Amino acid sequence: MRSTRFFWWRAGTLTRSWQPVYTGDEENCNRTIGLRLPGGVLFMCLNVPLRQRPCDWCRGFQ
C-alpha cells in the first residue's frame, strides 16, 4: 500500500453535496484538502511524512 501526495476523486463517485473545498482524511489517515474542479475533486495530503497505513486508533475500528 502506498500513499500519494495528490489524488483525483471522480465526480460520479462523490457522496457529499457540491462544495468548492473538501477537508478530511484518506484511507491511511492522512489529512487532506480537496479542490472541486470540473469532473471531480483534486485532493492533496497535508501530512509530512505520509502515513502508509491506517493509524493505531483507526485500526482498532477495523
PDB file of N, CA and C in Angstrom:
ATOM      1  N   MET A   1       0.857  -1.167   0.000  1.00  0.00           N
ATOM      2  CA  MET A   1       0.000   0.000   0.000  1.00  0.00           C
ATOM      3  C   MET A   1       0.905   1.233   0.000  1.00  0.00           C
ATOM      4  N   ARG A   2       0.558   2.218  -0.777  1.00  0.00           N
ATOM      5  CA  ARG A   2       1.375   3.425  -0.866  1.00  0.00           C
ATOM      6  C   ARG A   2       0.489   4.653  -0.937  1.00  0.00           C
ATOM      7  N   SER A   3       0.788   5.635  -0.136  1.00  0.00           N
ATOM      8  CA  SER A   3       0.056   6.895  -0.172  1.00  0.00           C
ATOM      9  C   SER A   3       0.725   7.843  -1.154  1.00  0.00           C
ATOM     10  N   THR A   4      -0.071   8.668  -1.786  1.00  0.00           N
ATOM     11  CA  THR A   4       0.457   9.665  -2.704  1.00  0.00           C
ATOM     12  C   THR A   4       0.095  11.056  -2.204  1.00  0.00           C
ATOM     13  N   ARG A   5       0.877  12.032  -2.590  1.00  0.00           N
ATOM     14  CA  ARG A   5       0.642  13.406  -2.142  1.00  0.00           C
ATOM     15  C   ARG A   5      -0.649  13.968  -2.758  1.00  0.00           C
ATOM     16  N   PHE A   6      -0.933  13.643  -4.024  1.00  0.00           N
ATOM     17  CA  PHE A   6      -2.134  14.119  -4.717  1.00  0.00           C
ATOM     18  C   PHE A   6      -2.932  12.929  -5.232  1.00  0.00           C
ATOM     19  N   PHE A   7      -4.255  13.023  -5.233  1.00  0.00           N
ATOM     20  CA  PHE A   7      -5.082  12.017  -5.886  1.00  0.00           C
ATOM     21  C   PHE A   7      -6.374  12.655  -6.365  1.00  0.00           C
ATOM     22  N   TRP A   8      -6.989  12.037  -7.357  1.00  0.00           N
ATOM     23  CA  TRP A   8      -8.195  12.532  -8.024  1.00  0.00           C
ATOM     24  C   TRP A   8      -9.385  11.693  -7.612  1.00  0.00           C
ATOM     25  N   TRP A   9     -10.503  12.343  -7.338  1.00  0.00           N
ATOM     26  CA  TRP A   9     -11.759  11.656  -6.999  1.00  0.00           C
ATOM     27  C   TRP A   9     -12.795  12.093  -8.022  1.00  0.00           C
ATOM     28  N   ARG A  10     -13.291  11.126  -8.809  1.00  0.00           N
ATOM     29  CA  ARG A  10     -14.257  11.439  -9.875  1.00  0.00           C
ATOM     30  C   ARG A  10     -15.574  11.941  -9.316  1.00  0.00           C
ATOM     31  N   ALA A  11     -16.198  12.879 -10.022  1.00  0.00           N
ATOM     32  CA  ALA A  11     -17.452  13.491  -9.573  1.00  0.00           C
ATOM     33  C   ALA A  11     -18.568  12.470  -9.422  1.00  0.00           C
ATOM     34  N   GLY A  12     -18.627  11.459 -10.270  1.00  0.00           N
ATOM     35  CA  GLY A  12     -19.690  10.465 -10.212  1.00  0.00           C
ATOM     36  C   GLY A  12     -19.686   9.626  -8.959  1.00  0.00           C
ATOM     37  N   THR A  13     -18.572   9.601  -8.221  1.00  0.00           N
ATOM     38  CA  THR A  13     -18.484   8.785  -7.014  1.00  0.00           C
ATOM     39  C   THR A  13     -18.581   9.606  -5.729  1.00  0.00           C
ATOM     40  N   LEU A  14     -18.781  10.923  -5.845  1.00  0.00           N
ATOM     41  CA  LEU A  14     -18.883  11.762  -4.653  1.00  0.00           C
ATOM     42  C   LEU A  14     -20.225  11.562  -3.966  1.00  0.00           C
ATOM     43  N   THR A  15     -20.202  11.409  -2.654  1.00  0.00           N
ATOM     44  CA  THR A  15     -21.447  11.225  -1.900  1.00  0.00           C
ATOM     45  C   THR A  15     -21.885  12.505  -1.208  1.00  0.00           C
ATOM     46  N   ARG A  16     -21.001  13.488  -1.106  1.00  0.00           N
ATOM     47  CA  ARG A  16     -21.353  14.753  -0.454  1.00  0.00           C
ATOM     48  C   ARG A  16     -21.998  15.699  -1.458  1.00  0.00           C
ATOM     49  N   SER A  17     -22.747  16.647  -0.938  1.00  0.00           N
ATOM     50  CA  SER A  17     -23.309  17.661  -1.813  1.00  0.00           C
ATOM     51  C   SER A  17     -22.179  18.529  -2.365  1.00  0.00           C
ATOM     52  N   TRP A  18     -22.476  19.286  -3.393  1.00  0.00           N
ATOM     53  CA  TRP A  18     -21.443  20.086  -4.046  1.00  0.00           C
ATOM     54  C   TRP A  18     -20.840  21.073  -3.068  1.00  0.00           C
ATOM     55  N   GLN A  19     -19.512  21.073  -2.982  1.00  0.00           N
ATOM     56  CA  GLN A  19     -18.771  22.028  -2.170  1.00  0.00           C
ATOM     57  C   GLN A  19     -17.540  22.454  -2.964  1.00  0.00           C
ATOM     58  N   PRO A  20     -17.092  23.690  -2.848  1.00  0.00           N
ATOM     59  CA  PRO A  20     -15.878  24.090  -3.575  1.00  0.00           C
ATOM     60  C   PRO A  20     -14.603  23.546  -2.939  1.00  0.00           C
ATOM     61  N   VAL A  21     -14.612  23.309  -1.615  1.00  0.00           N
ATOM     62  CA  VAL A  21     -13.435  22.801  -0.917  1.00  0.00           C
ATOM     63  C   VAL A  21     -13.863  21.674   0.021  1.00  0.00           C
ATOM     64  N   TYR A  22     -13.100  20.594   0.027  1.00  0.00           N
ATOM     65  CA  TYR A  22     -13.361  19.457   0.900  1.00  0.00           C
ATOM     66  C   TYR A  22     -12.187  19.296   1.859  1.00  0.00           C
ATOM     67  N   THR A  23     -12.447  18.913   3.106  1.00  0.00           N
ATOM     68  CA  THR A  23     -11.387  18.577   4.051  1.00  0.00           C
ATOM     69  C   THR A  23     -11.734  17.244   4.686  1.00  0.00           C
ATOM     70  N   GLY A  24     -10.731  16.542   5.141  1.00  0.00           N
ATOM     71  CA  GLY A  24     -10.973  15.264   5.794  1.00  0.00           C
ATOM     72  C   GLY A  24      -9.710  14.428   5.836  1.00  0.00           C
ATOM     73  N   ASP A  25      -9.883  13.106   5.803  1.00  0.00           N
ATOM     74  CA  ASP A  25      -8.786  12.147   5.858  1.00  0.00           C
ATOM     75  C   ASP A  25      -8.960  11.137   4.735  1.00  0.00           C
ATOM     76  N   GLU A  26      -7.838  10.577   4.248  1.00  0.00           N
ATOM     77  CA  GLU A  26      -7.919   9.496   3.276  1.00  0.00           C
ATOM     78  C   GLU A  26      -7.776   8.165   3.995  1.00  0.00           C
ATOM     79  N   GLU A  27      -7.715   7.050   3.253  1.00  0.00           N
ATOM     80  CA  GLU A  27      -7.781   5.721   3.872  1.00  0.00           C
ATOM     81  C   GLU A  27      -6.614   5.410   4.783  1.00  0.00           C
ATOM     82  N   ASN A  28      -5.497   6.124   4.668  1.00  0.00           N
ATOM     83  CA  ASN A  28      -4.351   5.901   5.557  1.00  0.00           C
ATOM     84  C   ASN A  28      -4.237   6.958   6.636  1.00  0.00           C
ATOM     85  N   CYS A  29      -5.322   7.670   6.907  1.00  0.00           N
ATOM     86  CA  CYS A  29      -5.415   8.655   7.986  1.00  0.00           C
ATOM     87  C   CYS A  29      -4.588   9.907   7.719  1.00  0.00           C
ATOM     88  N   ASN A  30      -4.203  10.155   6.471  1.00  0.00           N
ATOM     89  CA  ASN A  30      -3.516  11.397   6.135  1.00  0.00           C
ATOM     90  C   ASN A  30      -4.555  12.499   5.999  1.00  0.00           C
ATOM     91  N   ARG A  31      -4.297  13.653   6.640  1.00  0.00           N
ATOM     92  CA  ARG A  31      -5.215  14.785   6.500  1.00  0.00           C
ATOM     93  C   ARG A  31      -5.177  15.274   5.058  1.00  0.00           C
ATOM     94  N   THR A  32      -6.341  15.651   4.533  1.00  0.00           N
ATOM     95  CA  THR A  32      -6.425  16.082   3.139  1.00  0.00           C
ATOM     96  C   THR A  32      -7.220  17.375   3.000  1.00  0.00           C
ATOM     97  N   ILE A  33      -6.966  18.054   1.902  1.00  0.00           N
ATOM     98  CA  ILE A  33      -7.799  19.170   1.470  1.00  0.00           C
ATOM     99  C   ILE A  33      -8.031  18.952  -0.021  1.00  0.00           C
ATOM    100  N   GLY A  34      -9.268  19.172  -0.469  1.00  0.00           N
ATOM    101  CA  GLY A  34      -9.610  18.941  -1.867  1.00  0.00           C
ATOM    102  C   GLY A  34     -10.241  20.163  -2.499  1.00  0.00           C
ATOM    103  N   LEU A  35      -9.936  20.379  -3.751  1.00  0.00           N
ATOM    104  CA  LEU A  35     -10.481  21.499  -4.511  1.00  0.00           C
ATOM    105  C   LEU A  35     -11.386  20.952  -5.603  1.00  0.00           C
ATOM    106  N   ARG A  36     -12.634  21.381  -5.605  1.00  0.00           N
ATOM    107  CA  ARG A  36     -13.606  20.934  -6.600  1.00  0.00           C
ATOM    108  C   ARG A  36     -13.256  21.517  -7.962  1.00  0.00           C
ATOM    109  N   LEU A  37     -13.104  20.663  -8.959  1.00  0.00           N
ATOM    110  CA  LEU A  37     -12.820  21.045 -10.337  1.00  0.00           C
ATOM    111  C   LEU A  37     -13.842  20.367 -11.239  1.00  0.00           C
ATOM    112  N   PRO A  38     -13.988  20.782 -12.490  1.00  0.00           N
ATOM    113  CA  PRO A  38     -14.911  20.083 -13.384  1.00  0.00           C
ATOM    114  C   PRO A  38     -14.537  18.604 -13.483  1.00  0.00           C
ATOM    115  N   GLY A  39     -15.501  17.755 -13.181  1.00  0.00           N
ATOM    116  CA  GLY A  39     -15.282  16.315 -13.279  1.00  0.00           C
ATOM    117  C   GLY A  39     -14.874  15.624 -12.005  1.00  0.00           C
ATOM    118  N   GLY A  40     -14.611  16.373 -10.931  1.00  0.00           N
ATOM    119  CA  GLY A  40     -14.231  15.721  -9.686  1.00  0.00           C
ATOM    120  C   GLY A  40     -13.544  16.654  -8.713  1.00  0.00           C
ATOM    121  N   VAL A  41     -12.764  16.043  -7.819  1.00  0.00           N
ATOM    122  CA  VAL A  41     -12.052  16.797  -6.788  1.00  0.00           C
ATOM    123  C   VAL A  41     -10.589  16.369  -6.798  1.00  0.00           C
ATOM    124  N   LEU A  42      -9.675  17.346  -6.801  1.00  0.00           N
ATOM    125  CA  LEU A  42      -8.251  17.087  -6.676  1.00  0.00           C
ATOM    126  C   LEU A  42      -7.887  17.240  -5.202  1.00  0.00           C
ATOM    127  N   PHE A  43      -7.420  16.143  -4.591  1.00  0.00           N
ATOM    128  CA  PHE A  43      -7.060  16.142  -3.183  1.00  0.00           C
ATOM    129  C   PHE A  43      -5.558  16.215  -3.009  1.00  0.00           C
ATOM    130  N   MET A  44      -5.127  16.883  -1.947  1.00  0.00           N
ATOM    131  CA  MET A  44      -3.726  16.913  -1.561  1.00  0.00           C
ATOM    132  C   MET A  44      -3.623  16.468  -0.113  1.00  0.00           C
ATOM    133  N   CYS A  45      -2.727  15.517   0.166  1.00  0.00           N
ATOM    134  CA  CYS A  45      -2.472  15.093   1.539  1.00  0.00           C
ATOM    135  C   CYS A  45      -1.592  16.126   2.219  1.00  0.00           C
ATOM    136  N   LEU A  46      -1.935  16.486   3.459  1.00  0.00           N
ATOM    137  CA  LEU A  46      -1.239  17.547   4.174  1.00  0.00           C
ATOM    138  C   LEU A  46      -0.173  17.042   5.135  1.00  0.00           C
ATOM    139  N   ASN A  47      -0.201  15.761   5.521  1.00  0.00           N
ATOM    140  CA  ASN A  47       0.767  15.244   6.486  1.00  0.00           C
ATOM    141  C   ASN A  47       2.155  15.119   5.874  1.00  0.00           C
ATOM    142  N   VAL A  48       3.163  15.345   6.686  1.00  0.00           N
ATOM    143  CA  VAL A  48       4.541  15.109   6.277  1.00  0.00           C
ATOM    144  C   VAL A  48       5.215  14.407   7.436  1.00  0.00           C
ATOM    145  N   PRO A  49       5.725  13.195   7.297  1.00  0.00           N
ATOM    146  CA  PRO A  49       5.675  12.368   6.112  1.00  0.00           C
ATOM    147  C   PRO A  49       4.304  11.696   5.989  1.00  0.00           C
ATOM    148  N   LEU A  50       4.011  11.147   4.818  1.00  0.00           N
ATOM    149  CA  LEU A  50       2.738  10.467   4.587  1.00  0.00           C
ATOM    150  C   LEU A  50       2.701   9.138   5.333  1.00  0.00           C
ATOM    151  N   ARG A  51       1.561   8.848   5.940  1.00  0.00           N
ATOM    152  CA  ARG A  51       1.363   7.529   6.541  1.00  0.00           C
ATOM    153  C   ARG A  51       1.108   6.534   5.421  1.00  0.00           C
ATOM    154  N   GLN A  52       1.647   5.341   5.545  1.00  0.00           N
ATOM    155  CA  GLN A  52       1.476   4.303   4.535  1.00  0.00           C
ATOM    156  C   GLN A  52       0.373   3.320   4.899  1.00  0.00           C
ATOM    157  N   ARG A  53      -0.144   3.419   6.113  1.00  0.00           N
ATOM    158  CA  ARG A  53      -1.246   2.547   6.547  1.00  0.00           C
ATOM    159  C   ARG A  53      -2.033   3.272   7.623  1.00  0.00           C
ATOM    160  N   PRO A  54      -3.220   2.791   7.958  1.00  0.00           N
ATOM    161  CA  PRO A  54      -4.038   3.479   8.967  1.00  0.00           C
ATOM    162  C   PRO A  54      -3.306   3.588  10.308  1.00  0.00           C
ATOM    163  N   CYS A  55      -3.648   4.616  11.069  1.00  0.00           N
ATOM    164  CA  CYS A  55      -3.044   4.798  12.391  1.00  0.00           C
ATOM    165  C   CYS A  55      -3.596   3.747  13.362  1.00  0.00           C
ATOM    166  N   ASP A  56      -2.955   3.626  14.531  1.00  0.00           N
ATOM    167  CA  ASP A  56      -3.374   2.634  15.534  1.00  0.00           C
ATOM    168  C   ASP A  56      -4.810   2.838  15.966  1.00  0.00           C
ATOM    169  N   TRP A  57      -5.240   4.101  16.134  1.00  0.00           N
ATOM    170  CA  TRP A  57      -6.609   4.382  16.573  1.00  0.00           C
ATOM    171  C   TRP A  57      -7.610   3.886  15.540  1.00  0.00           C
ATOM    172  N   CYS A  58      -7.374   4.158  14.244  1.00  0.00           N
ATOM    173  CA  CYS A  58      -8.292   3.715  13.193  1.00  0.00           C
ATOM    174  C   CYS A  58      -8.292   2.204  13.043  1.00  0.00           C
ATOM    175  N   ARG A  59      -7.133   1.568  13.198  1.00  0.00           N
ATOM    176  CA  ARG A  59      -7.079   0.120  13.056  1.00  0.00           C
ATOM    177  C   ARG A  59      -7.925  -0.585  14.106  1.00  0.00           C
ATOM    178  N   GLY A  60      -8.130   0.069  15.257  1.00  0.00           N
ATOM    179  CA  GLY A  60      -8.962  -0.509  16.303  1.00  0.00           C
ATOM    180  C   GLY A  60     -10.420  -0.661  15.872  1.00  0.00           C
ATOM    181  N   PHE A  61     -10.844   0.094  14.830  1.00  0.00           N
ATOM    182  CA  PHE A  61     -12.214   0.030  14.336  1.00  0.00           C
ATOM    183  C   PHE A  61     -12.376  -0.900  13.147  1.00  0.00           C
ATOM    184  N   GLN A  62     -11.284  -1.527  12.688  1.00  0.00           N
ATOM    185  CA  GLN A  62     -11.373  -2.406  11.519  1.00  0.00           C
ATOM    186  C   GLN A  62     -11.476  -3.846  11.921  1.00  0.00           C
TER     187      GLN A  62
END
